[in-house]
Amino acid sequence: MFQPDWWIYGWLSGASGILNLFNWTSNHYWRAFTSIVVVVGTLETIFLYWSIRHVEQAPLVEHSYKLEEGRNLLLAAASVSLAVSSRLNTDSYSGFISYFRALILIFALIGMVPIIGYSTCFFNRDLPICHYFH
């Protein structure tokens, strides 16, 4: 099935997959691109979660989990989680800045957990976690 909005979600999963396929931790370009994917992907995923949740709370939709875009949040959140986890696994912790960076990455990873839970409700509305989002 053709997805007309593939460019919204596709770049994130493609970039995260390519960066994890070629895991060059000593290359500063790899580290810079991974940072871009983590920061921009986290902001994009949180914005998409916020916007889909507000559209779904509209009186005409009424929490029906019928928006097709809600299913795409799972791929975006999983891609960001993959990039964050690869960055956390390959980092060297030697000073205050590296610990602060790791704390930011952990907060980004924790922030993806409710988004993953919310997007799974678009696949199966009868999951026990779905009532937490309304």
C-alpha atoms as a PDB file:
ATOM      1  CA  MET A   1       0.000   0.000   0.000  1.00  0.00           C
ATOM      2  CA  PHE A   2       1.348   3.430  -0.922  1.00  0.00           C
ATOM      3  CA  GLN A   3       2.089   5.680   2.013  1.00  0.00           C
ATOM      4  CA  PRO A   4       1.850   9.346   0.908  1.00  0.00           C
ATOM      5  CA  ASP A   5       3.642  10.604   4.026  1.00  0.00           C
ATOM      6  CA  TRP A   6       6.612   8.230   3.889  1.00  0.00           C
ATOM      7  CA  TRP A   7       9.069  11.114   4.005  1.00  0.00           C
ATOM      8  CA  ILE A   8       7.935  12.071   7.513  1.00  0.00           C
ATOM      9  CA  TYR A   9       8.866   8.719   9.015  1.00  0.00           C
ATOM     10  CA  GLY A  10      11.125   7.143   6.408  1.00  0.00           C
ATOM     11  CA  TRP A  11      14.196   9.306   6.838  1.00  0.00           C
ATOM     12  CA  LEU A  12      14.387   8.494  10.538  1.00  0.00           C
ATOM     13  CA  SER A  13      14.227   4.731  10.213  1.00  0.00           C
ATOM     14  CA  GLY A  14      16.525   4.765   7.181  1.00  0.00           C
ATOM     15  CA  ALA A  15      19.148   6.944   8.843  1.00  0.00           C
ATOM     16  CA  SER A  16      19.027   4.976  12.073  1.00  0.00           C
ATOM     17  CA  GLY A  17      19.326   1.682  10.210  1.00  0.00           C
ATOM     18  CA  ILE A  18      22.260   2.842   8.089  1.00  0.00           C
ATOM     19  CA  LEU A  19      24.075   4.294  11.090  1.00  0.00           C
ATOM     20  CA  ASN A  20      23.685   1.050  13.007  1.00  0.00           C
ATOM     21  CA  LEU A  21      24.630  -1.067  10.018  1.00  0.00           C
ATOM     22  CA  PHE A  22      27.920   0.812   9.646  1.00  0.00           C
ATOM     23  CA  ASN A  23      28.852   1.207  13.296  1.00  0.00           C
ATOM     24  CA  TRP A  24      32.037   3.291  13.115  1.00  0.00           C
ATOM     25  CA  THR A  25      32.316   4.596  16.653  1.00  0.00           C
ATOM     26  CA  SER A  26      35.736   6.182  16.159  1.00  0.00           C
ATOM     27  CA  ASN A  27      34.583   8.220  13.148  1.00  0.00           C
ATOM     28  CA  HIS A  28      33.520  11.739  14.139  1.00  0.00           C
ATOM     29  CA  TYR A  29      31.100  11.958  11.178  1.00  0.00           C
ATOM     30  CA  TRP A  30      29.269   8.848  12.424  1.00  0.00           C
ATOM     31  CA  ARG A  31      29.036  10.366  15.888  1.00  0.00           C
ATOM     32  CA  ALA A  32      27.746  13.668  14.491  1.00  0.00           C
ATOM     33  CA  PHE A  33      25.114  11.995  12.309  1.00  0.00           C
ATOM     34  CA  THR A  34      24.026   9.791  15.186  1.00  0.00           C
ATOM     35  CA  SER A  35      23.628  12.869  17.354  1.00  0.00           C
ATOM     36  CA  ILE A  36      21.519  14.536  14.657  1.00  0.00           C
ATOM     37  CA  VAL A  37      19.304  11.459  14.351  1.00  0.00           C
ATOM     38  CA  VAL A  38      18.856  11.301  18.119  1.00  0.00           C
ATOM     39  CA  VAL A  39      18.079  14.995  18.641  1.00  0.00           C
ATOM     40  CA  VAL A  40      15.934  15.622  15.553  1.00  0.00           C
ATOM     41  CA  GLY A  41      14.300  12.189  15.763  1.00  0.00           C
ATOM     42  CA  THR A  42      13.371  12.674  19.416  1.00  0.00           C
ATOM     43  CA  LEU A  43      11.882  16.089  18.735  1.00  0.00           C
ATOM     44  CA  GLU A  44      10.019  14.821  15.673  1.00  0.00           C
ATOM     45  CA  THR A  45       8.649  11.748  17.442  1.00  0.00           C
ATOM     46  CA  ILE A  46       7.481  13.757  20.455  1.00  0.00           C
ATOM     47  CA  PHE A  47       5.835  16.324  18.167  1.00  0.00           C
ATOM     48  CA  LEU A  48       4.099  13.601  16.135  1.00  0.00           C
ATOM     49  CA  TYR A  49       2.919  11.923  19.335  1.00  0.00           C
ATOM     50  CA  TRP A  50       1.582  15.227  20.627  1.00  0.00           C
ATOM     51  CA  SER A  51      -0.187  16.101  17.374  1.00  0.00           C
ATOM     52  CA  ILE A  52      -1.712  12.641  16.802  1.00  0.00           C
ATOM     53  CA  ARG A  53      -2.889  12.493  20.393  1.00  0.00           C
ATOM     54  CA  HIS A  54      -4.598  15.899  20.103  1.00  0.00           C
ATOM     55  CA  VAL A  55      -6.233  14.994  16.801  1.00  0.00           C
ATOM     56  CA  GLU A  56      -7.445  11.772  18.336  1.00  0.00           C
ATOM     57  CA  GLN A  57      -8.973  13.646  21.272  1.00  0.00           C
ATOM     58  CA  ALA A  58     -11.192  15.604  18.894  1.00  0.00           C
ATOM     59  CA  PRO A  59     -14.934  15.017  19.336  1.00  0.00           C
ATOM     60  CA  LEU A  60     -15.338  13.335  15.948  1.00  0.00           C
ATOM     61  CA  VAL A  61     -12.588  10.756  16.494  1.00  0.00           C
ATOM     62  CA  GLU A  62     -13.189  10.071  20.218  1.00  0.00           C
ATOM     63  CA  HIS A  63     -10.197   7.890  21.124  1.00  0.00           C
ATOM     64  CA  SER A  64     -10.947   5.260  18.549  1.00  0.00           C
ATOM     65  CA  TYR A  65      -7.325   4.490  17.588  1.00  0.00           C
ATOM     66  CA  LYS A  66      -8.347   4.550  13.928  1.00  0.00           C
ATOM     67  CA  LEU A  67      -5.797   7.066  12.660  1.00  0.00           C
ATOM     68  CA  GLU A  68      -3.371   5.367  10.298  1.00  0.00           C
ATOM     69  CA  GLU A  69      -0.596   7.778  11.300  1.00  0.00           C
ATOM     70  CA  GLY A  70      -0.631   6.408  14.833  1.00  0.00           C
ATOM     71  CA  ARG A  71       0.830   3.139  13.638  1.00  0.00           C
ATOM     72  CA  ASN A  72       3.832   4.944  12.187  1.00  0.00           C
ATOM     73  CA  LEU A  73       4.824   6.251  15.603  1.00  0.00           C
ATOM     74  CA  LEU A  74       6.044   2.795  16.561  1.00  0.00           C
ATOM     75  CA  LEU A  75       8.656   2.770  13.801  1.00  0.00           C
ATOM     76  CA  ALA A  76       9.805   6.311  14.584  1.00  0.00           C
ATOM     77  CA  ALA A  77      10.115   5.660  18.325  1.00  0.00           C
ATOM     78  CA  ALA A  78      11.883   2.350  17.743  1.00  0.00           C
ATOM     79  CA  SER A  79      14.334   4.031  15.356  1.00  0.00           C
ATOM     80  CA  VAL A  80      15.182   6.717  17.885  1.00  0.00           C
ATOM     81  CA  SER A  81      15.542   4.075  20.600  1.00  0.00           C
ATOM     82  CA  LEU A  82      17.915   2.102  18.378  1.00  0.00           C
ATOM     83  CA  ALA A  83      20.071   5.162  17.704  1.00  0.00           C
ATOM     84  CA  VAL A  84      20.124   6.117  21.384  1.00  0.00           C
ATOM     85  CA  SER A  85      21.032   2.616  22.512  1.00  0.00           C
ATOM     86  CA  SER A  86      23.860   2.334  19.977  1.00  0.00           C
ATOM     87  CA  ARG A  87      25.187   5.686  21.135  1.00  0.00           C
ATOM     88  CA  LEU A  88      24.987   4.664  24.797  1.00  0.00           C
ATOM     89  CA  ASN A  89      26.732   1.350  24.114  1.00  0.00           C
ATOM     90  CA  THR A  90      29.634   2.870  22.211  1.00  0.00           C
ATOM     91  CA  ASP A  91      30.322   5.957  24.311  1.00  0.00           C
ATOM     92  CA  SER A  92      33.309   6.335  26.621  1.00  0.00           C
ATOM     93  CA  TYR A  93      32.499   7.876  29.961  1.00  0.00           C
ATOM     94  CA  SER A  94      35.503   9.854  31.107  1.00  0.00           C
ATOM     95  CA  GLY A  95      34.268  13.181  32.441  1.00  0.00           C
ATOM     96  CA  PHE A  96      31.357  15.312  33.562  1.00  0.00           C
ATOM     97  CA  ILE A  97      30.292  16.190  30.024  1.00  0.00           C
ATOM     98  CA  SER A  98      30.095  12.554  28.973  1.00  0.00           C
ATOM     99  CA  TYR A  99      27.958  11.687  32.006  1.00  0.00           C
ATOM    100  CA  PHE A 100      25.685  14.657  31.294  1.00  0.00           C
ATOM    101  CA  ARG A 101      25.372  13.548  27.653  1.00  0.00           C
ATOM    102  CA  ALA A 102      24.540  10.014  28.780  1.00  0.00           C
ATOM    103  CA  LEU A 103      21.854  11.394  31.099  1.00  0.00           C
ATOM    104  CA  ILE A 104      20.259  13.295  28.210  1.00  0.00           C
ATOM    105  CA  LEU A 105      20.343  10.134  26.080  1.00  0.00           C
ATOM    106  CA  ILE A 106      18.740   8.119  28.870  1.00  0.00           C
ATOM    107  CA  PHE A 107      15.950  10.711  29.170  1.00  0.00           C
ATOM    108  CA  ALA A 108      15.404  10.501  25.395  1.00  0.00           C
ATOM    109  CA  LEU A 109      15.240   6.708  25.640  1.00  0.00           C
ATOM    110  CA  ILE A 110      12.801   6.823  28.551  1.00  0.00           C
ATOM    111  CA  GLY A 111      10.697   9.346  26.618  1.00  0.00           C
ATOM    112  CA  MET A 112      10.242   6.847  23.801  1.00  0.00           C
ATOM    113  CA  VAL A 113       8.705   4.186  26.077  1.00  0.00           C
ATOM    114  CA  PRO A 114       5.235   5.786  26.442  1.00  0.00           C
ATOM    115  CA  ILE A 115       5.210   6.654  22.743  1.00  0.00           C
ATOM    116  CA  ILE A 116       5.874   3.017  21.875  1.00  0.00           C
ATOM    117  CA  GLY A 117       3.085   1.984  24.251  1.00  0.00           C
ATOM    118  CA  TYR A 118       0.686   4.528  22.762  1.00  0.00           C
ATOM    119  CA  SER A 119       1.414   3.473  19.202  1.00  0.00           C
ATOM    120  CA  THR A 120       0.864  -0.216  19.968  1.00  0.00           C
ATOM    121  CA  CYS A 121      -2.722   0.662  20.836  1.00  0.00           C
ATOM    122  CA  PHE A 122      -3.287   1.510  17.162  1.00  0.00           C
ATOM    123  CA  PHE A 123      -2.530  -2.121  16.319  1.00  0.00           C
ATOM    124  CA  ASN A 124      -4.606  -3.672  19.112  1.00  0.00           C
ATOM    125  CA  ARG A 125      -7.027  -1.551  21.143  1.00  0.00           C
ATOM    126  CA  ASP A 126      -7.596  -4.301  23.693  1.00  0.00           C
ATOM    127  CA  LEU A 127      -4.106  -4.112  25.208  1.00  0.00           C
ATOM    128  CA  PRO A 128      -4.130  -3.493  28.966  1.00  0.00           C
ATOM    129  CA  ILE A 129      -1.943  -0.391  28.607  1.00  0.00           C
ATOM    130  CA  CYS A 130      -4.327   1.476  26.305  1.00  0.00           C
ATOM    131  CA  HIS A 131      -6.518   2.810  29.100  1.00  0.00           C
ATOM    132  CA  TYR A 132      -3.539   4.731  30.523  1.00  0.00           C
ATOM    133  CA  PHE A 133      -3.487   7.070  27.543  1.00  0.00           C
ATOM    134  CA  HIS A 134      -7.023   8.410  27.986  1.00  0.00           C
END
